[in-house]
Amino acid sequence: MHGLGSSAKRLSYVKALTRCMAHTRPRRVRYAALRVVSEAREELASMTNSDSASLDVDTTLLDGLSHALLTVVRTNHDQKMQDSTSDAYSAAIPNDHYLRLIFALQKNDEWCKRLASGGHLEWCNSSSLILASPQFSDKVYLAGFV
């Protein structure tokens, strides 16, 4: 499935994806949910609680998604630190999805504020996400984010 589905089911789908990104879920489930959200990043960036086309979107849902996104990459980082035998390529894939998603979301003023207050800026600045992604072709991808 591409995108976030039909408008009638979009909210329940986003809620389900958010639950799938919880730290208690298996790694492959968290990564799959992150990939789906990342692939729908442009659609997600347009989902705001001030957008007239998405009046049914509430702040709690979007804040929960923001928190879940950070949970996925922090959990991924912690697991990489504990598991020195992990494959560097497959460990970098969630970071790439995350960075592409964050870059797309920050273009929307409302999402940019949400990301800043949610700790995403600090995480991107303090972590080695960019340098740890060998297949990430544009190492200055977040230049527009700061």
C-alpha atoms as a PDB file:
ATOM      1  CA  MET A   1       0.000   0.000   0.000  1.00  0.00           C
ATOM      2  CA  HIS A   2       1.302   3.434  -0.870  1.00  0.00           C
ATOM      3  CA  GLY A   3       0.272   6.431   1.174  1.00  0.00           C
ATOM      4  CA  LEU A   4      -1.867   6.430   4.255  1.00  0.00           C
ATOM      5  CA  GLY A   5      -4.963   4.914   2.705  1.00  0.00           C
ATOM      6  CA  SER A   6      -8.391   6.384   2.141  1.00  0.00           C
ATOM      7  CA  SER A   7      -9.399   9.469   4.082  1.00  0.00           C
ATOM      8  CA  ALA A   8     -12.024   7.419   5.935  1.00  0.00           C
ATOM      9  CA  LYS A   9      -9.446   5.003   7.341  1.00  0.00           C
ATOM     10  CA  ARG A  10      -6.387   7.260   7.471  1.00  0.00           C
ATOM     11  CA  LEU A  11      -6.632   8.121  11.165  1.00  0.00           C
ATOM     12  CA  SER A  12      -7.025   4.528  12.306  1.00  0.00           C
ATOM     13  CA  TYR A  13      -4.123   3.542  10.037  1.00  0.00           C
ATOM     14  CA  VAL A  14      -1.864   6.229  11.515  1.00  0.00           C
ATOM     15  CA  LYS A  15      -2.864   5.111  15.021  1.00  0.00           C
ATOM     16  CA  ALA A  16      -2.019   1.503  14.146  1.00  0.00           C
ATOM     17  CA  LEU A  17       1.349   2.524  12.690  1.00  0.00           C
ATOM     18  CA  THR A  18       2.079   4.542  15.825  1.00  0.00           C
ATOM     19  CA  ARG A  19       1.348   1.507  18.005  1.00  0.00           C
ATOM     20  CA  CYS A  20       3.602  -0.615  15.796  1.00  0.00           C
ATOM     21  CA  MET A  21       6.515   1.732  16.522  1.00  0.00           C
ATOM     22  CA  ALA A  22       6.360   1.195  20.295  1.00  0.00           C
ATOM     23  CA  HIS A  23       9.609   0.061  21.886  1.00  0.00           C
ATOM     24  CA  THR A  24       7.899  -3.137  23.035  1.00  0.00           C
ATOM     25  CA  ARG A  25       7.281  -4.268  19.454  1.00  0.00           C
ATOM     26  CA  PRO A  26       9.775  -6.472  17.616  1.00  0.00           C
ATOM     27  CA  ARG A  27      12.436  -4.605  15.670  1.00  0.00           C
ATOM     28  CA  ARG A  28      11.135  -5.741  12.278  1.00  0.00           C
ATOM     29  CA  VAL A  29       7.625  -4.451  13.118  1.00  0.00           C
ATOM     30  CA  ARG A  30       8.976  -1.056  14.213  1.00  0.00           C
ATOM     31  CA  TYR A  31      11.102  -0.765  11.068  1.00  0.00           C
ATOM     32  CA  ALA A  32       8.233  -1.775   8.789  1.00  0.00           C
ATOM     33  CA  ALA A  33       5.983   0.867  10.352  1.00  0.00           C
ATOM     34  CA  LEU A  34       8.712   3.487  10.010  1.00  0.00           C
ATOM     35  CA  ARG A  35       9.210   2.555   6.356  1.00  0.00           C
ATOM     36  CA  VAL A  36       5.481   2.897   5.625  1.00  0.00           C
ATOM     37  CA  VAL A  37       5.305   6.282   7.336  1.00  0.00           C
ATOM     38  CA  SER A  38       8.457   7.429   5.540  1.00  0.00           C
ATOM     39  CA  GLU A  39       7.050   6.427   2.161  1.00  0.00           C
ATOM     40  CA  ALA A  40       3.951   8.507   2.906  1.00  0.00           C
ATOM     41  CA  ARG A  41       5.986  11.456   4.181  1.00  0.00           C
ATOM     42  CA  GLU A  42       4.569  14.069   1.796  1.00  0.00           C
ATOM     43  CA  GLU A  43       1.007  13.055   2.608  1.00  0.00           C
ATOM     44  CA  LEU A  44       1.815  13.021   6.305  1.00  0.00           C
ATOM     45  CA  ALA A  45       3.432  16.462   6.106  1.00  0.00           C
ATOM     46  CA  SER A  46       0.127  17.835   4.855  1.00  0.00           C
ATOM     47  CA  MET A  47      -1.758  16.326   7.808  1.00  0.00           C
ATOM     48  CA  THR A  48      -2.017  19.088  10.378  1.00  0.00           C
ATOM     49  CA  ASN A  49      -4.655  19.995  12.898  1.00  0.00           C
ATOM     50  CA  SER A  50      -4.966  23.441  11.278  1.00  0.00           C
ATOM     51  CA  ASP A  51      -5.530  22.082   7.754  1.00  0.00           C
ATOM     52  CA  SER A  52      -9.139  22.463   6.649  1.00  0.00           C
ATOM     53  CA  ALA A  53      -8.952  19.239   4.621  1.00  0.00           C
ATOM     54  CA  SER A  54      -8.019  17.251   7.714  1.00  0.00           C
ATOM     55  CA  LEU A  55     -10.148  18.748  10.475  1.00  0.00           C
ATOM     56  CA  ASP A  56     -10.503  15.322  12.033  1.00  0.00           C
ATOM     57  CA  VAL A  57      -6.753  15.165  12.727  1.00  0.00           C
ATOM     58  CA  ASP A  58      -6.075  15.934  16.346  1.00  0.00           C
ATOM     59  CA  THR A  59      -2.920  17.169  18.019  1.00  0.00           C
ATOM     60  CA  THR A  60      -2.707  14.088  20.221  1.00  0.00           C
ATOM     61  CA  LEU A  61      -2.482  11.783  17.206  1.00  0.00           C
ATOM     62  CA  LEU A  62       0.277  13.796  15.538  1.00  0.00           C
ATOM     63  CA  ASP A  63       2.193  14.278  18.799  1.00  0.00           C
ATOM     64  CA  GLY A  64       1.964  10.537  19.432  1.00  0.00           C
ATOM     65  CA  LEU A  65       3.311   9.805  15.983  1.00  0.00           C
ATOM     66  CA  SER A  66       6.168  12.255  16.521  1.00  0.00           C
ATOM     67  CA  HIS A  67       7.057  10.532  19.790  1.00  0.00           C
ATOM     68  CA  ALA A  68       6.829   7.083  18.194  1.00  0.00           C
ATOM     69  CA  LEU A  69       9.204   8.093  15.392  1.00  0.00           C
ATOM     70  CA  LEU A  70      11.819   9.158  17.890  1.00  0.00           C
ATOM     71  CA  THR A  71      11.277   5.950  19.854  1.00  0.00           C
ATOM     72  CA  VAL A  72      12.108   3.870  16.768  1.00  0.00           C
ATOM     73  CA  VAL A  73      15.426   5.564  16.040  1.00  0.00           C
ATOM     74  CA  ARG A  74      16.488   5.786  19.672  1.00  0.00           C
ATOM     75  CA  THR A  75      15.719   2.110  20.191  1.00  0.00           C
ATOM     76  CA  ASN A  76      17.579   1.327  16.955  1.00  0.00           C
ATOM     77  CA  HIS A  77      20.602   3.328  18.180  1.00  0.00           C
ATOM     78  CA  ASP A  78      20.583   1.631  21.598  1.00  0.00           C
ATOM     79  CA  GLN A  79      20.362  -1.825  20.019  1.00  0.00           C
ATOM     80  CA  LYS A  80      23.239  -1.070  17.640  1.00  0.00           C
ATOM     81  CA  MET A  81      25.394  -0.031  20.591  1.00  0.00           C
ATOM     82  CA  GLN A  82      24.601  -3.250  22.459  1.00  0.00           C
ATOM     83  CA  ASP A  83      24.895  -5.544  19.448  1.00  0.00           C
ATOM     84  CA  SER A  84      28.297  -5.023  17.871  1.00  0.00           C
ATOM     85  CA  THR A  85      27.664  -7.901  15.456  1.00  0.00           C
ATOM     86  CA  SER A  86      24.759  -6.168  13.728  1.00  0.00           C
ATOM     87  CA  ASP A  87      24.968  -5.610   9.998  1.00  0.00           C
ATOM     88  CA  ALA A  88      25.853  -1.945   9.438  1.00  0.00           C
ATOM     89  CA  TYR A  89      23.864  -1.736   6.214  1.00  0.00           C
ATOM     90  CA  SER A  90      20.599  -3.083   7.618  1.00  0.00           C
ATOM     91  CA  ALA A  91      21.042  -1.077  10.812  1.00  0.00           C
ATOM     92  CA  ALA A  92      21.340   2.146   8.786  1.00  0.00           C
ATOM     93  CA  ILE A  93      18.120   1.630   6.827  1.00  0.00           C
ATOM     94  CA  PRO A  94      15.777   2.852   9.617  1.00  0.00           C
ATOM     95  CA  ASN A  95      17.964   5.939  10.013  1.00  0.00           C
ATOM     96  CA  ASP A  96      17.607   6.721   6.327  1.00  0.00           C
ATOM     97  CA  HIS A  97      13.822   6.379   6.476  1.00  0.00           C
ATOM     98  CA  TYR A  98      13.764   8.574   9.573  1.00  0.00           C
ATOM     99  CA  LEU A  99      15.967  11.293   8.078  1.00  0.00           C
ATOM    100  CA  ARG A 100      13.975  11.475   4.857  1.00  0.00           C
ATOM    101  CA  LEU A 101      10.743  11.654   6.846  1.00  0.00           C
ATOM    102  CA  ILE A 102      12.005  14.341   9.215  1.00  0.00           C
ATOM    103  CA  PHE A 103      13.304  16.431   6.324  1.00  0.00           C
ATOM    104  CA  ALA A 104       9.902  16.267   4.598  1.00  0.00           C
ATOM    105  CA  LEU A 105       7.943  17.017   7.776  1.00  0.00           C
ATOM    106  CA  GLN A 106      10.053  20.004   8.781  1.00  0.00           C
ATOM    107  CA  LYS A 107       8.942  21.849   5.639  1.00  0.00           C
ATOM    108  CA  ASN A 108       5.529  22.296   7.279  1.00  0.00           C
ATOM    109  CA  ASP A 109       5.608  24.998   9.988  1.00  0.00           C
ATOM    110  CA  GLU A 110       3.306  23.094  12.324  1.00  0.00           C
ATOM    111  CA  TRP A 111       5.298  19.888  11.980  1.00  0.00           C
ATOM    112  CA  CYS A 112       8.563  21.814  12.378  1.00  0.00           C
ATOM    113  CA  LYS A 113       7.400  23.138  15.763  1.00  0.00           C
ATOM    114  CA  ARG A 114       6.237  19.667  16.764  1.00  0.00           C
ATOM    115  CA  LEU A 115       9.576  18.118  15.790  1.00  0.00           C
ATOM    116  CA  ALA A 116      11.536  20.797  17.641  1.00  0.00           C
ATOM    117  CA  SER A 117       9.496  20.431  20.826  1.00  0.00           C
ATOM    118  CA  GLY A 118       9.575  16.644  20.530  1.00  0.00           C
ATOM    119  CA  GLY A 119      13.364  16.430  20.629  1.00  0.00           C
ATOM    120  CA  HIS A 120      13.964  15.486  17.004  1.00  0.00           C
ATOM    121  CA  LEU A 121      16.328  18.408  16.357  1.00  0.00           C
ATOM    122  CA  GLU A 122      18.467  17.536  19.359  1.00  0.00           C
ATOM    123  CA  TRP A 123      18.482  13.878  18.383  1.00  0.00           C
ATOM    124  CA  CYS A 124      19.594  14.593  14.826  1.00  0.00           C
ATOM    125  CA  ASN A 125      22.257  17.040  15.987  1.00  0.00           C
ATOM    126  CA  SER A 126      23.639  14.887  18.791  1.00  0.00           C
ATOM    127  CA  SER A 127      23.491  11.477  17.154  1.00  0.00           C
ATOM    128  CA  SER A 128      25.586   9.935  14.451  1.00  0.00           C
ATOM    129  CA  LEU A 129      22.585   9.237  12.205  1.00  0.00           C
ATOM    130  CA  ILE A 130      24.000  10.954   9.149  1.00  0.00           C
ATOM    131  CA  LEU A 131      27.496   9.548   9.418  1.00  0.00           C
ATOM    132  CA  ALA A 132      26.213   6.063  10.283  1.00  0.00           C
ATOM    133  CA  SER A 133      24.249   5.783   7.052  1.00  0.00           C
ATOM    134  CA  PRO A 134      26.653   4.495   4.379  1.00  0.00           C
ATOM    135  CA  GLN A 135      24.106   4.512   1.559  1.00  0.00           C
ATOM    136  CA  PHE A 136      22.759   7.951   2.430  1.00  0.00           C
ATOM    137  CA  SER A 137      24.022   9.907  -0.547  1.00  0.00           C
ATOM    138  CA  ASP A 138      23.471  13.450   0.688  1.00  0.00           C
ATOM    139  CA  LYS A 139      25.331  13.900   3.974  1.00  0.00           C
ATOM    140  CA  VAL A 140      23.994  17.435   4.348  1.00  0.00           C
ATOM    141  CA  TYR A 141      20.372  16.371   3.951  1.00  0.00           C
ATOM    142  CA  LEU A 142      19.359  18.117   7.153  1.00  0.00           C
ATOM    143  CA  ALA A 143      20.818  21.496   6.191  1.00  0.00           C
ATOM    144  CA  GLY A 144      17.301  22.826   5.601  1.00  0.00           C
ATOM    145  CA  PHE A 145      16.210  21.489   8.974  1.00  0.00           C
ATOM    146  CA  VAL A 146      18.465  23.675  11.123  1.00  0.00           C
END
